[in-house]
């Protein structure tokens, strides 16, 4: 039976990193599969703790290939530090890392802990609308999207905002709860995307709305449902099914959704490099993407929107408005701290 638990002891049997293997048309991919089965396991660190998709992916991957997935779930900051420590001690345990695109680029540029994953049979399936915001693609590949909208209380906001500009309406003063714009996370993504689109003057006006900041997203949803605030932003849409029956609904502004690409990377010195590549390729297959879609994690390939829960189906076709850009995170955090004192 596959062990699905945090790793507490060192793993042995380190294997050398293999050279990239050509994609679909190359029969050598069968050799990657055979080598992965010989390795017999893959170690997976994810910065999305508690999400059911991790276990479902592990179960399906083992059923298909007979390869055990050992998963360690932790906060994204802890994840990066753990990997740095493993490399500093020349004791690399992890094969595949699952984290935000911005953090993966930090790990590549600042830590030097990421290897190139090479070509994958399913690697050319990434949606075209994601291509523009996919720099350094040799180091990471999108796995699913975390999409952000606005959560509103249906009684307090019967005529909810239709645009981000509508948030500046004086009627919403003191009625907006937001993830803190001044700290890394969904709030800083909202700040960066709207700042880029509308300029500083947008936030010079927004600050007069007396926004209340929070660092507890799941409790924020309940506070809106209880009527403490008319709305919460930005709201992760994959949580909407868990709020069924409460007086809330998700709103997609006409400009579109902010989004966060969650990506997969292979670490340098991965002890099971072939199993690592096979796992990432499986995540991008119809089977893997359907698993993510079933949990409200939006697919990065086309044609699987019918796998998304009914509560989110109408949101699946929403256009994307923007995402965080690594190079702009420090100046944007500084600007948010200056504006929202």
Protein backbone atom coordinates (compact mmCIF):
# COMPACT_ATOMS: atom_id res chain seq x y z
CA UNK A 1 0.00 0.00 0.00
CA UNK A 2 1.39 3.39 -0.95
CA UNK A 3 2.67 5.42 1.94
CA UNK A 4 1.28 8.93 1.84
CA UNK A 5 3.03 10.80 4.62
CA UNK A 6 5.66 13.35 5.46
CA UNK A 7 9.15 11.99 5.02
CA UNK A 8 11.03 11.62 8.26
CA UNK A 9 14.09 9.69 7.16
CA UNK A 10 16.57 10.06 4.35
CA UNK A 11 15.87 8.24 1.13
CA UNK A 12 18.58 6.21 -0.49
CA UNK A 13 19.27 4.98 -4.00
CA UNK A 14 20.11 8.35 -5.53
CA UNK A 15 20.12 8.31 -9.33
CA UNK A 16 21.98 10.57 -11.72
CA UNK A 17 20.07 13.24 -13.62
CA UNK A 18 19.35 12.01 -17.12
CA UNK A 19 19.57 14.14 -20.24
CA UNK A 20 16.33 15.51 -21.70
CA UNK A 21 14.39 13.02 -23.77
CA UNK A 22 12.50 14.13 -26.86
CA UNK A 23 8.75 14.47 -26.75
CA UNK A 24 5.81 12.46 -28.06
CA UNK A 25 7.28 11.19 -31.31
CA UNK A 26 10.46 9.89 -29.65
CA UNK A 27 10.24 6.20 -28.70
CA UNK A 28 12.85 6.78 -26.00
CA UNK A 29 9.99 7.93 -23.75
CA UNK A 30 9.28 4.24 -23.19
CA UNK A 31 12.78 4.01 -21.71
CA UNK A 32 11.92 6.83 -19.32
CA UNK A 33 8.83 4.90 -18.20
CA UNK A 34 10.85 1.71 -17.72
CA UNK A 35 13.54 3.55 -15.75
CA UNK A 36 10.88 5.25 -13.63
CA UNK A 37 9.34 1.89 -12.76
CA UNK A 38 12.78 0.63 -11.76
CA UNK A 39 13.20 3.64 -9.46
CA UNK A 40 9.86 2.64 -7.97
CA UNK A 41 9.00 5.82 -6.12
CA UNK A 42 8.87 9.60 -6.40
CA UNK A 43 9.02 12.19 -3.64
CA UNK A 44 6.68 15.14 -3.99
CA UNK A 45 6.73 18.39 -1.99
CA UNK A 46 3.68 20.64 -2.34
CA UNK A 47 2.97 24.13 -1.05
CA UNK A 48 -0.78 23.47 -1.20
CA UNK A 49 -1.37 21.62 2.08
CA UNK A 50 -4.65 19.85 2.69
CA UNK A 51 -5.86 19.80 -0.91
CA UNK A 52 -7.43 16.41 -1.80
CA UNK A 53 -5.93 16.53 -5.29
CA UNK A 54 -2.49 15.46 -4.00
CA UNK A 55 -3.71 12.11 -2.70
CA UNK A 56 -5.91 11.55 -5.75
CA UNK A 57 -2.98 12.19 -8.10
CA UNK A 58 -0.79 9.86 -6.07
CA UNK A 59 -3.36 7.06 -6.09
CA UNK A 60 -3.97 7.37 -9.84
CA UNK A 61 -0.25 7.57 -10.65
CA UNK A 62 0.52 4.44 -8.63
CA UNK A 63 -2.40 2.57 -10.19
CA UNK A 64 -1.20 3.45 -13.70
CA UNK A 65 2.53 2.91 -13.30
CA UNK A 66 3.03 1.01 -10.04
CA UNK A 67 5.20 3.83 -8.72
CA UNK A 68 4.66 4.99 -5.14
CA UNK A 69 4.29 8.73 -4.46
CA UNK A 70 5.56 10.02 -1.10
CA UNK A 71 4.13 13.45 -0.40
CA UNK A 72 5.13 16.15 2.03
CA UNK A 73 2.72 19.07 2.39
CA UNK A 74 3.82 22.39 3.87
CA UNK A 75 3.52 26.14 3.53
CA UNK A 76 5.30 27.57 0.50
CA UNK A 77 7.90 29.46 2.57
CA UNK A 78 8.74 26.31 4.54
CA UNK A 79 8.97 24.33 1.30
CA UNK A 80 11.63 26.60 -0.19
CA UNK A 81 13.70 26.62 2.99
CA UNK A 82 13.59 22.84 3.29
CA UNK A 83 14.86 22.40 -0.26
CA UNK A 84 17.67 24.91 0.32
CA UNK A 85 18.69 22.96 3.42
CA UNK A 86 18.69 19.65 1.55
CA UNK A 87 20.97 21.05 -1.14
CA UNK A 88 23.29 22.76 1.37
CA UNK A 89 23.73 19.42 3.15
CA UNK A 90 24.14 17.47 -0.13
CA UNK A 91 21.22 15.32 0.94
CA UNK A 92 18.52 15.90 -1.65
CA UNK A 93 15.36 13.93 -0.87
CA UNK A 94 12.78 15.63 -3.09
CA UNK A 95 12.15 14.89 -6.77
CA UNK A 96 9.18 17.08 -7.75
CA UNK A 97 8.21 20.41 -6.21
CA UNK A 98 4.73 21.89 -6.54
CA UNK A 99 4.56 25.63 -5.89
CA UNK A 100 3.70 29.04 -7.33
CA UNK A 101 5.41 30.12 -10.54
CA UNK A 102 6.99 33.14 -8.87
CA UNK A 103 8.57 31.01 -6.15
CA UNK A 104 9.87 28.49 -8.67
CA UNK A 105 11.66 31.32 -10.48
CA UNK A 106 13.17 32.50 -7.19
CA UNK A 107 14.42 28.97 -6.57
CA UNK A 108 15.96 28.89 -10.04
CA UNK A 109 17.51 32.37 -9.98
CA UNK A 110 18.49 32.79 -6.33
CA UNK A 111 18.84 29.29 -4.89
CA UNK A 112 20.02 27.24 -7.86
CA UNK A 113 18.04 24.24 -6.65
CA UNK A 114 16.03 23.53 -9.81
CA UNK A 115 16.98 21.30 -12.74
CA UNK A 116 15.50 21.31 -16.21
CA UNK A 117 12.66 18.85 -16.62
CA UNK A 118 13.30 18.25 -20.35
CA UNK A 119 10.69 17.57 -23.01
CA UNK A 120 7.49 15.78 -22.04
CA UNK A 121 4.89 14.08 -24.24
CA UNK A 122 2.17 16.27 -22.69
CA UNK A 123 4.37 19.33 -22.36
CA UNK A 124 3.08 20.98 -25.53
CA UNK A 125 -0.54 21.05 -24.35
CA UNK A 126 -0.36 24.22 -22.23
CA UNK A 127 -3.13 26.70 -23.09
CA UNK A 128 -2.11 29.49 -25.45
CA UNK A 129 -3.44 32.20 -23.14
CA UNK A 130 -0.85 31.17 -20.54
CA UNK A 131 2.12 31.36 -22.88
CA UNK A 132 2.81 35.12 -22.48
CA UNK A 133 3.36 34.83 -18.72
CA UNK A 134 5.59 31.75 -18.81
CA UNK A 135 9.22 32.96 -18.66
CA UNK A 136 12.09 30.56 -17.93
CA UNK A 137 9.90 27.72 -19.10
CA UNK A 138 12.80 25.28 -19.11
CA UNK A 139 12.63 25.25 -15.29
CA UNK A 140 8.92 24.89 -14.57
CA UNK A 141 5.68 23.94 -16.24
CA UNK A 142 2.12 25.03 -15.25
CA UNK A 143 0.03 22.31 -13.63
CA UNK A 144 -3.22 24.10 -12.78
CA UNK A 145 -4.50 27.61 -12.11
CA UNK A 146 -5.68 29.15 -8.86
CA UNK A 147 -8.20 31.73 -10.07
CA UNK A 148 -9.33 34.71 -8.01
CA UNK A 149 -12.66 36.55 -8.14
CA UNK A 150 -14.69 38.51 -5.57
CA UNK A 151 -16.90 36.90 -2.93
CA UNK A 152 -20.02 38.91 -2.06
CA UNK A 153 -22.79 38.58 0.48
CA UNK A 154 -25.98 38.33 -1.58
CA UNK A 155 -28.01 40.33 0.95
CA UNK A 156 -25.52 43.13 1.53
CA UNK A 157 -24.50 43.36 -2.13
CA UNK A 158 -27.61 42.53 -4.22
CA UNK A 159 -26.10 44.67 -7.01
CA UNK A 160 -22.43 43.61 -6.75
CA UNK A 161 -19.49 45.29 -8.48
CA UNK A 162 -19.28 44.51 -12.19
CA UNK A 163 -15.83 45.99 -12.59
CA UNK A 164 -12.78 46.57 -10.42
CA UNK A 165 -13.53 50.25 -10.87
CA UNK A 166 -16.87 49.74 -9.12
CA UNK A 167 -15.00 48.94 -5.92
CA UNK A 168 -14.29 52.67 -5.66
CA UNK A 169 -18.00 53.47 -5.26
CA UNK A 170 -18.49 55.26 -1.88
CA UNK A 171 -21.32 52.87 -1.02
CA UNK A 172 -18.71 50.16 -0.36
CA UNK A 173 -16.71 52.26 2.11
CA UNK A 174 -15.97 50.19 5.21
CA UNK A 175 -17.61 47.12 3.68
CA UNK A 176 -14.64 45.48 1.92
CA UNK A 177 -12.51 42.76 3.50
CA UNK A 178 -9.30 41.93 1.63
CA UNK A 179 -6.30 39.67 1.83
CA UNK A 180 -3.48 41.96 2.95
CA UNK A 181 -2.04 43.81 -0.06
CA UNK A 182 1.19 44.45 1.88
CA UNK A 183 2.25 40.81 2.25
CA UNK A 184 2.97 38.07 -0.31
CA UNK A 185 -0.18 36.20 -1.29
CA UNK A 186 -3.46 36.73 -3.06
CA UNK A 187 -3.76 40.29 -1.82
CA UNK A 188 -0.40 41.30 -3.26
CA UNK A 189 -1.41 39.72 -6.57
CA UNK A 190 -4.59 41.81 -6.57
CA UNK A 191 -2.56 44.93 -5.82
CA UNK A 192 0.04 44.25 -8.50
CA UNK A 193 -2.46 43.41 -11.25
CA UNK A 194 -4.75 46.38 -10.58
CA UNK A 195 -1.78 48.74 -10.15
CA UNK A 196 -0.42 47.66 -13.54
CA UNK A 197 -3.84 48.05 -15.19
CA UNK A 198 -5.12 51.26 -13.58
CA UNK A 199 -2.08 53.01 -12.13
CA UNK A 200 -1.31 54.25 -8.64
CA UNK A 201 -4.25 56.62 -8.67
CA UNK A 202 -6.58 53.61 -8.44
CA UNK A 203 -5.12 52.64 -5.08
CA UNK A 204 -4.89 56.24 -3.90
CA UNK A 205 -8.68 56.18 -4.24
CA UNK A 206 -9.09 52.63 -2.95
CA UNK A 207 -7.35 53.44 0.33
CA UNK A 208 -10.16 55.88 1.17
CA UNK A 209 -12.58 52.94 1.20
CA UNK A 210 -11.20 51.92 4.62
CA UNK A 211 -10.51 48.35 3.56
CA UNK A 212 -10.08 45.83 6.38
CA UNK A 213 -7.13 43.48 5.88
CA UNK A 214 -6.90 39.85 6.91
CA UNK A 215 -4.38 37.00 6.75
CA UNK A 216 -6.97 34.24 7.24
CA UNK A 217 -8.67 33.52 3.94
CA UNK A 218 -10.95 30.71 5.04
CA UNK A 219 -12.25 32.70 8.01
CA UNK A 220 -12.70 35.73 5.73
CA UNK A 221 -15.20 33.79 3.64
CA UNK A 222 -17.26 33.03 6.74
CA UNK A 223 -17.14 36.66 7.87
CA UNK A 224 -18.69 37.71 4.57
CA UNK A 225 -21.31 34.96 4.87
CA UNK A 226 -22.16 36.19 8.40
CA UNK A 227 -22.64 39.71 7.10
CA UNK A 228 -19.64 41.36 8.77
CA UNK A 229 -18.58 42.64 5.33
CA UNK A 230 -20.29 42.93 1.98
CA UNK A 231 -17.41 41.37 0.08
CA UNK A 232 -14.00 39.73 0.27
CA UNK A 233 -11.23 39.96 -2.31
CA UNK A 234 -9.45 38.34 -3.92
CA UNK A 235 -11.38 35.10 -3.42
CA UNK A 236 -10.01 31.72 -4.54
CA UNK A 237 -12.77 30.25 -6.67
CA UNK A 238 -11.91 26.64 -5.90
CA UNK A 239 -13.29 27.20 -2.38
CA UNK A 240 -16.76 28.15 -3.64
CA UNK A 241 -18.25 24.61 -3.47
CA UNK A 242 -17.42 24.47 0.26
CA UNK A 243 -19.66 27.52 0.81
CA UNK A 244 -22.75 25.93 -0.72
CA UNK A 245 -25.92 26.93 1.12
CA UNK A 246 -24.47 30.15 2.53
CA UNK A 247 -25.69 33.61 1.37
CA UNK A 248 -22.67 34.28 -0.84
CA UNK A 249 -21.74 34.16 -4.50
CA UNK A 250 -18.62 34.63 -6.60
CA UNK A 251 -18.34 37.61 -8.94
CA UNK A 252 -16.08 37.81 -11.99
CA UNK A 253 -15.33 41.46 -12.84
CA UNK A 254 -15.66 42.35 -16.51
CA UNK A 255 -11.90 42.76 -16.79
CA UNK A 256 -11.42 39.11 -15.88
CA UNK A 257 -9.83 37.00 -13.15
CA UNK A 258 -6.50 37.35 -11.46
CA UNK A 259 -4.76 34.02 -11.42
CA UNK A 260 -1.81 32.18 -9.94
CA UNK A 261 -0.18 29.42 -12.00
CA UNK A 262 0.69 26.49 -9.77
CA UNK A 263 3.64 24.73 -11.35
CA UNK A 264 5.78 21.62 -11.17
CA UNK A 265 9.57 21.54 -11.12
CA UNK A 266 12.29 18.90 -10.86
CA UNK A 267 15.03 19.55 -8.32
CA UNK A 268 18.71 19.36 -9.12
CA UNK A 269 20.10 16.01 -8.05
CA UNK A 270 16.63 14.47 -7.91
CA UNK A 271 17.07 10.91 -6.57
CA UNK A 272 14.36 9.58 -8.91
CA UNK A 273 14.66 11.76 -12.03
CA UNK A 274 12.77 9.52 -14.43
CA UNK A 275 9.86 9.01 -12.03
CA UNK A 276 9.87 12.79 -11.50
CA UNK A 277 9.45 13.50 -15.20
CA UNK A 278 6.84 10.78 -15.57
CA UNK A 279 4.81 12.22 -12.66
CA UNK A 280 4.83 15.73 -14.15
CA UNK A 281 3.79 14.37 -17.53
CA UNK A 282 0.96 12.44 -15.84
CA UNK A 283 -0.24 15.64 -14.15
CA UNK A 284 -0.63 17.19 -17.61
CA UNK A 285 -2.50 14.21 -19.07
CA UNK A 286 -6.28 14.21 -19.39
CA UNK A 287 -6.46 11.93 -16.35
CA UNK A 288 -4.29 14.17 -14.19
CA UNK A 289 -5.91 17.42 -15.35
CA UNK A 290 -9.37 15.94 -14.74
CA UNK A 291 -8.40 15.21 -11.15
CA UNK A 292 -7.36 18.81 -10.60
CA UNK A 293 -10.47 20.11 -12.38
CA UNK A 294 -12.69 17.99 -10.11
CA UNK A 295 -11.25 19.89 -7.13
CA UNK A 296 -11.93 23.28 -8.70
CA UNK A 297 -8.31 23.78 -9.77
CA UNK A 298 -8.60 25.12 -13.29
CA UNK A 299 -6.92 23.07 -16.04
CA UNK A 300 -3.92 24.37 -17.97
CA UNK A 301 -4.93 22.36 -21.05
CA UNK A 302 -7.99 22.89 -23.21
CA UNK A 303 -11.08 20.70 -23.43
CA UNK A 304 -11.58 19.64 -19.82
CA UNK A 305 -13.93 22.29 -18.47
CA UNK A 306 -16.69 19.68 -18.26
CA UNK A 307 -14.72 18.08 -15.41
CA UNK A 308 -15.03 21.19 -13.23
CA UNK A 309 -17.64 21.08 -10.41
CA UNK A 310 -21.06 22.44 -11.48
CA UNK A 311 -20.77 25.36 -9.04
CA UNK A 312 -17.69 26.54 -10.95
CA UNK A 313 -18.68 25.55 -14.47
CA UNK A 314 -19.94 29.02 -15.38
CA UNK A 315 -16.59 30.50 -14.30
CA UNK A 316 -14.45 28.16 -16.36
CA UNK A 317 -14.59 30.30 -19.49
CA UNK A 318 -13.83 33.59 -17.74
CA UNK A 319 -10.95 35.50 -19.27
CA UNK A 320 -7.74 36.01 -17.36
CA UNK A 321 -6.88 39.54 -16.22
CA UNK A 322 -3.33 39.15 -14.95
CA UNK A 323 -0.93 37.54 -12.48
CA UNK A 324 2.06 38.45 -10.35
CA UNK A 325 5.37 39.13 -12.08
CA UNK A 326 8.43 38.15 -10.04
CA UNK A 327 10.47 41.22 -10.92
CA UNK A 328 7.66 43.53 -9.73
CA UNK A 329 6.96 41.89 -6.38
CA UNK A 330 9.47 43.92 -4.26
CA UNK A 331 8.49 47.37 -5.64
CA UNK A 332 4.80 46.50 -5.47
CA UNK A 333 5.01 45.36 -1.85
CA UNK A 334 6.84 48.61 -1.05
CA UNK A 335 4.15 50.65 -2.82
CA UNK A 336 1.35 48.83 -1.00
CA UNK A 337 3.00 49.50 2.37
CA UNK A 338 3.36 53.16 1.47
CA UNK A 339 -0.26 53.59 0.36
CA UNK A 340 -2.01 51.35 2.92
CA UNK A 341 -0.33 52.49 6.16
